[in-house]
Protein backbone atom coordinates (compact mmCIF):
# COMPACT_ATOMS: atom_id res chain seq x y z
CA MET A 1 0.04 0.07 -0.01
CA LYS A 2 1.40 3.27 -1.02
CA PRO A 3 0.95 6.29 1.20
CA SER A 4 -0.61 9.35 -0.25
CA ILE A 5 -1.94 12.75 0.88
CA VAL A 6 -5.31 13.04 2.63
CA LYS A 7 -7.49 14.76 0.07
CA PRO A 8 -8.76 18.26 1.00
CA TRP A 9 -12.38 17.31 0.99
CA ILE A 10 -11.64 14.36 3.41
CA ALA A 11 -9.82 16.73 5.81
CA ALA A 12 -12.52 19.40 5.49
CA ALA A 13 -15.23 16.87 6.16
CA LEU A 14 -13.35 15.52 9.24
CA SER A 15 -12.90 19.12 10.47
CA ILE A 16 -16.58 19.96 10.29
CA ALA A 17 -17.55 16.76 11.92
CA LEU A 18 -15.24 17.21 14.74
CA CYS A 19 -16.24 20.82 15.36
CA ALA A 20 -19.57 19.58 16.63
CA THR A 21 -17.82 17.62 19.40
CA SER A 22 -14.96 19.79 20.42
CA SER A 23 -12.96 19.07 23.57
CA SER A 24 -10.37 20.96 25.53
CA ILE A 25 -6.97 21.52 23.69
CA ILE A 26 -4.25 19.92 25.75
CA ALA A 27 -0.63 19.60 24.53
CA PHE A 28 2.77 20.69 25.35
CA GLY A 29 5.51 22.62 23.66
CA ASP A 30 9.09 23.28 24.80
CA ASP A 31 10.07 23.48 28.37
CA ASP A 32 9.64 27.30 28.45
CA ASP A 33 6.17 27.13 26.88
CA LYS A 34 2.94 26.93 28.88
CA PRO A 35 0.71 23.88 28.08
CA ALA A 36 -2.85 24.69 27.14
CA ASP A 37 -3.97 22.48 30.06
CA ALA A 38 -1.38 21.12 32.50
CA GLY A 39 -3.79 18.62 34.01
CA LYS A 40 -4.23 16.55 30.87
CA GLN A 41 -2.44 15.44 27.72
CA ALA A 42 -3.87 14.59 24.27
CA ALA A 43 -2.43 13.30 21.05
CA GLN A 44 -0.85 15.94 18.95
CA PRO A 45 -2.00 16.39 15.30
CA THR A 46 0.48 15.09 12.89
CA LEU A 47 0.57 16.05 9.13
CA SER A 48 2.95 15.44 6.24
CA ASP A 49 4.09 18.27 4.00
CA LYS A 50 1.41 17.55 1.39
CA GLN A 51 -1.27 17.24 3.99
CA GLN A 52 -0.35 20.65 5.40
CA GLN A 53 -0.65 22.19 1.98
CA ALA A 54 -3.97 20.45 1.36
CA VAL A 55 -5.56 21.90 4.48
CA GLY A 56 -3.88 25.26 4.19
CA ILE A 57 -1.50 25.24 7.08
CA VAL A 58 0.86 28.19 7.17
CA VAL A 59 3.48 28.70 9.80
CA ALA A 60 5.51 31.90 10.73
CA ARG A 61 7.59 33.20 13.49
CA PRO A 62 6.32 35.94 15.88
CA VAL A 63 7.50 39.48 15.35
CA ALA A 64 8.83 41.55 18.33
CA ALA A 65 6.88 44.67 18.75
CA LYS A 66 5.95 47.47 21.36
CA THR A 67 2.42 48.59 22.11
CA PRO A 68 1.43 52.33 21.81
CA GLU A 69 1.40 54.13 25.09
CA ARG A 70 -1.97 55.92 24.53
CA LEU A 71 -5.35 54.43 23.54
CA ASP A 72 -8.27 56.74 22.52
CA ALA A 73 -11.67 56.12 24.09
CA LEU A 74 -14.97 57.81 24.41
CA GLY A 75 -16.31 58.41 27.92
CA VAL A 76 -19.89 59.00 29.30
CA VAL A 77 -20.64 59.96 32.83
CA LEU A 78 -23.01 57.44 34.45
CA ASP A 79 -26.06 58.22 36.58
CA ALA A 80 -25.30 57.29 40.18
CA THR A 81 -29.06 56.91 40.83
CA THR A 82 -29.08 53.87 38.55
CA LEU A 83 -26.47 52.32 40.73
CA LEU A 84 -28.40 53.13 43.78
CA SER A 85 -31.55 51.54 42.18
CA ASP A 86 -29.59 48.32 41.23
CA MET A 87 -28.10 48.01 44.62
CA GLY A 88 -31.40 48.58 46.40
CA GLU A 89 -33.12 45.96 44.34
CA SER A 90 -30.32 43.50 45.12
CA THR A 91 -30.53 44.22 48.87
CA ALA A 92 -34.35 43.83 48.92
CA ALA A 93 -34.10 40.64 46.96
CA ALA A 94 -31.50 39.21 49.32
CA SER A 95 -33.73 40.24 52.42
CA ALA A 96 -36.71 38.56 50.82
CA GLU A 97 -34.80 35.44 50.11
CA HIS A 98 -33.49 35.27 53.63
CA SER A 99 -37.05 35.78 55.04
CA ALA A 100 -38.63 33.04 52.75
CA SER A 101 -35.80 30.65 53.63
CA ALA A 102 -36.41 31.18 57.36
CA GLU A 103 -40.22 30.63 56.90
CA LEU A 104 -39.58 27.57 54.84
CA LEU A 105 -37.48 26.08 57.68
CA ARG A 106 -40.10 26.91 60.26
CA VAL A 107 -42.97 25.33 58.23
CA ARG A 108 -40.95 22.26 57.44
CA ALA A 109 -40.12 21.84 61.16
CA LEU A 110 -43.78 22.05 62.07
CA PHE A 111 -44.66 19.62 59.30
CA ASN A 112 -42.09 17.05 60.49
CA ALA A 113 -43.34 17.32 63.98
CA GLY A 114 -46.99 17.06 63.01
CA ALA A 115 -47.58 20.41 64.74
CA GLY A 116 -50.15 22.30 62.74
CA ALA A 117 -48.40 22.48 59.24
CA SER A 118 -50.08 20.71 56.33
CA LEU A 119 -48.39 19.49 53.22
CA LYS A 120 -50.02 22.30 51.28
CA MET A 121 -48.47 24.86 53.60
CA LEU A 122 -45.05 23.38 53.08
CA GLU A 123 -45.35 23.34 49.36
CA ALA A 124 -46.47 26.97 49.36
CA ALA A 125 -43.47 27.91 51.53
CA GLN A 126 -41.13 26.05 49.13
CA ALA A 127 -42.58 27.87 46.20
CA GLU A 128 -42.16 31.21 47.88
CA GLN A 129 -38.57 30.45 48.80
CA ALA A 130 -37.76 29.32 45.23
CA LYS A 131 -39.31 32.44 43.85
CA ALA A 132 -37.40 34.73 46.23
CA GLN A 133 -34.14 32.74 45.46
CA ALA A 134 -34.66 33.32 41.73
CA TRP A 135 -35.28 37.12 42.26
CA ALA A 136 -32.09 37.36 44.41
CA ASP A 137 -29.96 35.55 41.89
CA LEU A 138 -31.33 37.76 39.04
CA SER A 139 -30.77 40.96 40.98
CA MET A 140 -27.20 40.03 41.90
CA ALA A 141 -26.43 38.94 38.24
CA ARG A 142 -27.73 42.29 37.00
CA LEU A 143 -25.64 44.29 39.47
CA ALA A 144 -22.48 42.37 38.47
CA LEU A 145 -23.28 42.91 34.83
CA HIS A 146 -23.65 46.55 35.14
CA TRP A 147 -21.28 47.40 37.92
CA GLY A 148 -18.81 44.47 38.11
CA PRO A 149 -15.52 46.26 38.89
CA LEU A 150 -17.30 48.28 41.62
CA ILE A 151 -18.89 45.22 43.25
CA ALA A 152 -15.55 43.36 43.15
CA LEU A 153 -14.00 46.05 45.52
CA PRO A 154 -13.57 45.24 49.24
CA SER A 155 -16.57 46.29 51.25
CA GLY A 156 -14.85 49.31 52.87
CA PRO A 157 -13.41 51.05 49.71
CA ARG A 158 -16.70 50.06 47.88
CA GLN A 159 -18.94 51.83 50.46
CA LYS A 160 -16.66 54.88 50.52
CA LEU A 161 -16.83 55.14 46.77
CA LEU A 162 -20.62 54.66 46.89
CA ASP A 163 -21.06 57.48 49.35
CA ALA A 164 -18.90 59.85 47.38
CA ALA A 165 -20.77 59.04 44.16
CA MET A 166 -24.18 59.48 45.73
CA SER A 167 -23.16 62.89 47.31
CA GLY A 168 -21.80 64.04 44.00
CA HIS A 169 -18.17 64.31 45.19
CA GLU A 170 -17.11 61.72 42.73
CA LEU A 171 -18.26 60.62 39.28
CA LEU A 172 -18.39 57.17 37.68
CA VAL A 173 -17.57 57.22 33.88
CA ARG A 174 -17.82 54.41 31.25
CA ALA A 175 -15.02 54.58 28.71
CA ASP A 176 -15.59 52.65 25.46
CA LEU A 177 -12.89 51.72 22.95
CA PRO A 178 -14.72 52.04 19.55
CA GLY A 179 -14.14 49.00 17.24
CA ARG A 180 -12.82 46.73 20.01
CA HIS A 181 -14.68 43.93 21.62
CA SER A 182 -11.95 42.77 23.99
CA LEU A 183 -9.04 44.15 25.98
CA GLY A 184 -5.82 42.56 27.01
CA ALA A 185 -3.89 44.07 30.04
CA LEU A 186 -5.78 46.83 31.78
CA PRO A 187 -4.49 50.35 31.25
CA GLY A 188 -2.87 52.07 34.13
CA ASN A 189 -4.55 55.44 34.19
CA ALA A 190 -7.06 57.61 32.23
CA LEU A 191 -7.27 61.30 31.29
CA LEU A 192 -10.58 62.93 30.44
CA ASP A 193 -10.62 65.93 28.11
CA VAL A 194 -13.13 68.29 29.76
CA ASP A 195 -13.16 71.54 27.77
CA GLY A 196 -9.52 71.13 27.15
CA VAL A 197 -8.71 70.46 30.75
CA GLN A 198 -7.03 67.01 31.49
CA VAL A 199 -9.00 65.42 34.31
CA PRO A 200 -7.45 62.19 35.79
CA GLY A 201 -9.41 59.16 36.37
CA ARG A 202 -8.82 55.81 38.15
CA ILE A 203 -9.52 52.68 36.18
CA LEU A 204 -11.63 50.26 38.31
CA GLY A 205 -11.86 47.44 35.81
CA THR A 206 -13.54 46.11 32.64
CA LEU A 207 -17.33 46.15 32.40
CA LYS A 208 -19.03 42.95 31.34
CA GLN A 209 -21.82 44.54 29.37
CA SER A 210 -21.19 46.17 25.95
CA SER A 211 -22.62 49.63 25.18
CA GLU A 212 -24.75 50.47 22.26
CA SER A 213 -21.63 50.83 20.19
CA GLN A 214 -20.96 47.07 20.96
CA SER A 215 -17.47 47.87 22.22
CA VAL A 216 -15.51 46.93 25.23
CA GLY A 217 -15.85 49.38 28.15
CA LEU A 218 -14.01 50.38 31.33
CA LEU A 219 -15.45 51.79 34.50
CA LEU A 220 -13.55 54.93 35.76
CA GLU A 221 -13.65 56.81 39.02
CA ILE A 222 -13.29 60.61 38.76
CA GLN A 223 -12.45 62.55 41.92
CA ASN A 224 -12.99 66.28 42.24
CA ALA A 225 -14.59 66.71 38.72
CA PRO A 226 -15.04 70.20 37.35
CA ALA A 227 -18.30 72.04 38.36
CA GLY A 228 -21.08 71.27 35.87
CA PHE A 229 -19.56 68.16 34.57
CA GLY A 230 -22.13 65.44 35.50
CA PRO A 231 -24.28 62.41 34.32
CA GLY A 232 -24.83 62.18 30.59
CA ALA A 233 -21.81 64.19 29.51
CA ARG A 234 -19.68 62.69 26.68
CA VAL A 235 -15.99 63.47 26.52
CA PRO A 236 -12.79 62.09 24.81
CA VAL A 237 -10.73 59.84 27.09
CA THR A 238 -7.14 58.89 26.71
CA LEU A 239 -6.09 55.54 28.41
CA LEU A 240 -2.43 55.48 29.42
CA THR A 241 -0.69 52.13 29.24
CA ALA A 242 2.76 51.15 30.44
CA GLN A 243 4.64 50.56 27.25
CA ARG A 244 4.62 46.75 26.67
CA SER A 245 6.91 44.69 24.70
CA GLY A 246 5.73 41.32 23.31
CA LEU A 247 5.54 39.15 20.26
CA LEU A 248 2.99 39.99 17.56
CA LEU A 249 0.75 37.32 16.07
CA PRO A 250 -2.13 37.67 13.59
CA ARG A 251 -5.59 37.13 14.95
CA ASP A 252 -6.11 34.04 12.82
CA ALA A 253 -3.39 32.40 14.87
CA ILE A 254 -5.14 32.76 18.26
CA LEU A 255 -7.82 30.28 19.48
CA TYR A 256 -9.66 30.42 22.73
CA ASP A 257 -11.22 27.79 25.08
CA GLU A 258 -12.29 27.48 28.66
CA SER A 259 -8.61 27.54 29.86
CA GLY A 260 -7.83 30.77 27.95
CA ALA A 261 -5.98 31.77 24.82
CA TYR A 262 -3.58 29.49 23.00
CA VAL A 263 -1.79 29.03 19.65
CA TYR A 264 -0.45 25.98 17.72
CA LYS A 265 3.28 25.53 17.58
CA GLN A 266 4.99 23.35 15.04
CA LEU A 267 7.35 20.96 16.75
CA MET A 268 10.62 19.58 15.49
CA ALA A 269 10.18 16.40 13.43
CA LYS A 270 11.36 13.03 14.96
CA ALA A 271 14.38 11.42 13.49
CA GLY A 272 13.32 9.46 10.31
CA ASP A 273 9.81 11.07 10.20
CA ASP A 274 9.13 13.87 7.61
CA ARG A 275 5.67 14.66 9.21
CA ALA A 276 5.21 17.77 11.37
CA ARG A 277 3.56 17.63 14.83
CA TYR A 278 1.67 20.50 16.39
CA ALA A 279 1.17 21.36 20.08
CA ALA A 280 -1.22 23.81 21.63
CA VAL A 281 0.63 26.30 23.73
CA LYS A 282 -1.00 28.68 26.21
CA VAL A 283 -0.41 32.38 25.71
CA THR A 284 -1.19 35.65 27.47
CA LEU A 285 -2.99 38.35 25.44
CA LEU A 286 -1.43 41.64 26.26
CA VAL A 287 -3.15 44.23 24.04
CA PRO A 288 -4.69 44.33 20.48
CA TYR A 289 -2.23 45.73 17.91
CA GLY A 290 -3.17 46.44 14.37
CA ASP A 291 -4.63 43.23 12.83
CA GLY A 292 -3.23 41.08 15.60
CA TRP A 293 -2.44 40.76 19.29
CA LEU A 294 0.71 41.30 21.29
CA VAL A 295 1.21 38.14 23.31
CA ASP A 296 3.47 36.48 25.80
CA GLY A 297 4.16 32.75 26.06
CA VAL A 298 6.01 31.96 22.90
CA ASP A 299 9.51 32.70 21.65
CA ASP A 300 10.59 34.64 18.55
CA ASP A 301 12.20 31.47 17.11
CA ASP A 302 8.98 29.32 17.36
CA ASN A 303 7.07 28.29 14.28
CA ILE A 304 3.56 29.30 14.97
CA VAL A 305 0.46 28.32 12.91
CA VAL A 306 -0.81 31.71 11.56
CA ARG A 307 -3.28 30.14 9.10
CA GLY A 308 -5.25 26.86 9.41
CA ALA A 309 -5.24 26.77 13.27
CA GLY A 310 -8.95 25.88 13.20
CA VAL A 311 -8.25 22.77 11.22
CA LEU A 312 -5.74 21.62 13.81
CA TRP A 313 -8.31 22.31 16.58
CA SER A 314 -10.73 20.04 14.84
CA LEU A 315 -8.07 17.34 14.43
CA GLN A 316 -6.84 17.48 17.96
CA GLY A 317 -6.71 14.07 19.63
CA VAL A 318 -7.34 12.35 16.37
CA GLY A 319 -4.43 12.99 14.06
CA VAL A 320 -4.23 12.53 10.33
CA TYR A 321 -2.33 9.78 8.63
CA ALA A 322 -1.55 9.11 5.06
CA LEU A 323 -4.24 7.06 3.11
CA ASP A 324 -3.67 4.51 0.45
CA ASP A 325 -4.80 5.46 -3.17
CA ASP A 326 -6.85 2.29 -3.33
CA ASP A 327 -8.86 3.22 -0.11
């Protein structure tokens, strides 16, 4: 039986079939690379030169680059009463859930003791507790969605910031980065352009909910804002980042699963074997840069798959081997 290349339509069909049953990508690179999942190991895709050409695999080495120090964003001052409403609803929901749970415990104890609580009363108490629990969960999820970075603060600093925002001594601003749906490392500081005056802001974190512009947003804290600058105002924002150095890869090279971002690295062929093996290597996304990402986790002499990574993802754990012409 003579070996031959896996025909493109066979590889494509295999890719589509396996996409429906994807699993975690687990493989290892060199000693200085991070595995996509250190807890498991899976077979590495192996392709001959002709097979790589058939499925469109292209490899290239990362390019060293530095990020710009300034990112342009658009800020809008948020209404603190909306925050007060969301927090009040969450507090009320939590209190209702606590009361319903206590009542359920009381009725269940009476029912078990046969002391004046019927099965109907127990079922009604269970229904009320479930309803209160659902309301509490929904309120907390909405609060985290709208104000995640603020809710993540320790209780002391969070309450201090809330009091300042409610009294008007501080402002909360959402800063959107138009055209971007994700953000790597968090910028260090922010400057708001208020009538030509550079007003500093503290970055609290990334917001989970996109704005109407469908772009990634940051929550900023503004202390001692200029008089008259308040909710609803829209101003240019400059995000200041510490200059970062990293390796630049195109977006097509980067995949993502539950363990984070990773790329496929082409490994050295074994002695006597002309086929190439590929390993999934975990990377850290730093910041978007042009049509790619600045990353950390690979070396500048690594051969990274910059086209066709999706095919390798679908073949992970299966492998592709040469078929006979007669098959």
